[in-house]
Amino acid sequence: MARAALLAGSVQALSQRLRIPVVDLMRWIQGESKPPKGVFLQLVDFVIEESGRRGLASVRGARKPGKPKGTGP
């Protein structure tokens, strides 16, 4: 859950995305209680989705290994 909050940008942003109260989210992050199964699955989907987006962004910006530019053929 903490990872999902980081990916969302904040606990508040994650609570808005999931349409759940911040208080409930904080209890789950702190381990005081567990989220309902449906919310947990939403969190998993969100983390997978955001991780995939960020992974693609870093891959698109990365250069392929090989010779540095300007070193000839």
Protein backbone atom coordinates (compact mmCIF):
# COMPACT_ATOMS: atom_id res chain seq x y z
CA MET A 1 0.00 0.00 0.00
CA ALA A 2 2.82 2.37 0.74
CA ARG A 3 4.22 1.60 -2.74
CA ALA A 4 0.84 2.44 -4.29
CA ALA A 5 0.79 5.75 -2.40
CA LEU A 6 4.27 6.57 -3.72
CA LEU A 7 3.23 5.75 -7.27
CA ALA A 8 0.08 7.86 -6.90
CA GLY A 9 2.10 10.79 -5.62
CA SER A 10 0.57 10.91 -2.14
CA VAL A 11 -1.77 9.12 0.23
CA GLN A 12 -4.42 11.72 -0.61
CA ALA A 13 -4.07 11.10 -4.35
CA LEU A 14 -4.37 7.35 -3.85
CA SER A 15 -7.43 7.73 -1.64
CA GLN A 16 -9.08 9.86 -4.33
CA ARG A 17 -8.21 7.37 -7.04
CA LEU A 18 -9.63 4.47 -5.03
CA ARG A 19 -12.51 6.57 -3.68
CA ILE A 20 -11.77 5.62 -0.08
CA PRO A 21 -11.25 7.82 2.99
CA VAL A 22 -7.65 8.80 3.78
CA VAL A 23 -8.21 7.58 7.35
CA ASP A 24 -8.91 4.03 6.14
CA LEU A 25 -5.91 4.06 3.82
CA MET A 26 -3.63 5.23 6.62
CA ARG A 27 -4.87 2.42 8.89
CA TRP A 28 -4.05 -0.11 6.20
CA ILE A 29 -0.61 1.37 5.51
CA GLN A 30 0.21 1.36 9.23
CA GLY A 31 -0.99 -2.23 9.57
CA GLU A 32 -3.78 -1.38 12.00
CA SER A 33 -6.32 -3.16 9.82
CA LYS A 34 -6.58 -4.87 6.45
CA PRO A 35 -8.41 -3.54 3.41
CA PRO A 36 -11.38 -5.38 1.95
CA LYS A 37 -10.43 -7.87 -0.74
CA GLY A 38 -11.85 -5.69 -3.54
CA VAL A 39 -9.79 -2.67 -2.48
CA PHE A 40 -6.68 -4.80 -2.15
CA LEU A 41 -7.16 -6.06 -5.71
CA GLN A 42 -7.62 -2.46 -6.92
CA LEU A 43 -4.31 -1.59 -5.22
CA VAL A 44 -2.55 -4.50 -6.90
CA ASP A 45 -3.92 -3.50 -10.31
CA PHE A 46 -2.85 0.10 -9.75
CA VAL A 47 0.71 -0.84 -8.75
CA ILE A 48 1.07 -3.16 -11.75
CA GLU A 49 -0.33 -0.55 -14.12
CA GLU A 50 1.84 2.29 -12.83
CA SER A 51 4.96 0.15 -12.60
CA GLY A 52 4.46 -0.89 -16.22
CA ARG A 53 4.06 2.71 -17.34
CA ARG A 54 7.17 3.80 -15.51
CA GLY A 55 9.10 0.81 -16.83
CA LEU A 56 8.17 1.65 -20.41
CA ALA A 57 9.11 5.28 -19.90
CA SER A 58 12.57 4.33 -18.64
CA VAL A 59 13.05 1.82 -21.47
CA ARG A 60 12.06 4.39 -24.09
CA GLY A 61 14.58 6.88 -22.71
CA ALA A 62 17.41 4.36 -22.46
CA ARG A 63 20.03 3.96 -25.16
CA LYS A 64 20.88 0.58 -26.52
CA PRO A 65 24.25 -0.77 -25.37
CA GLY A 66 27.02 -0.48 -27.90
CA LYS A 67 29.56 2.01 -29.09
CA PRO A 68 29.31 5.56 -27.81
CA LYS A 69 28.17 8.17 -30.35
CA GLY A 70 30.85 9.54 -32.61
CA THR A 71 33.33 6.63 -32.28
CA GLY A 72 33.09 5.57 -35.92
CA PRO A 73 31.80 2.39 -37.58
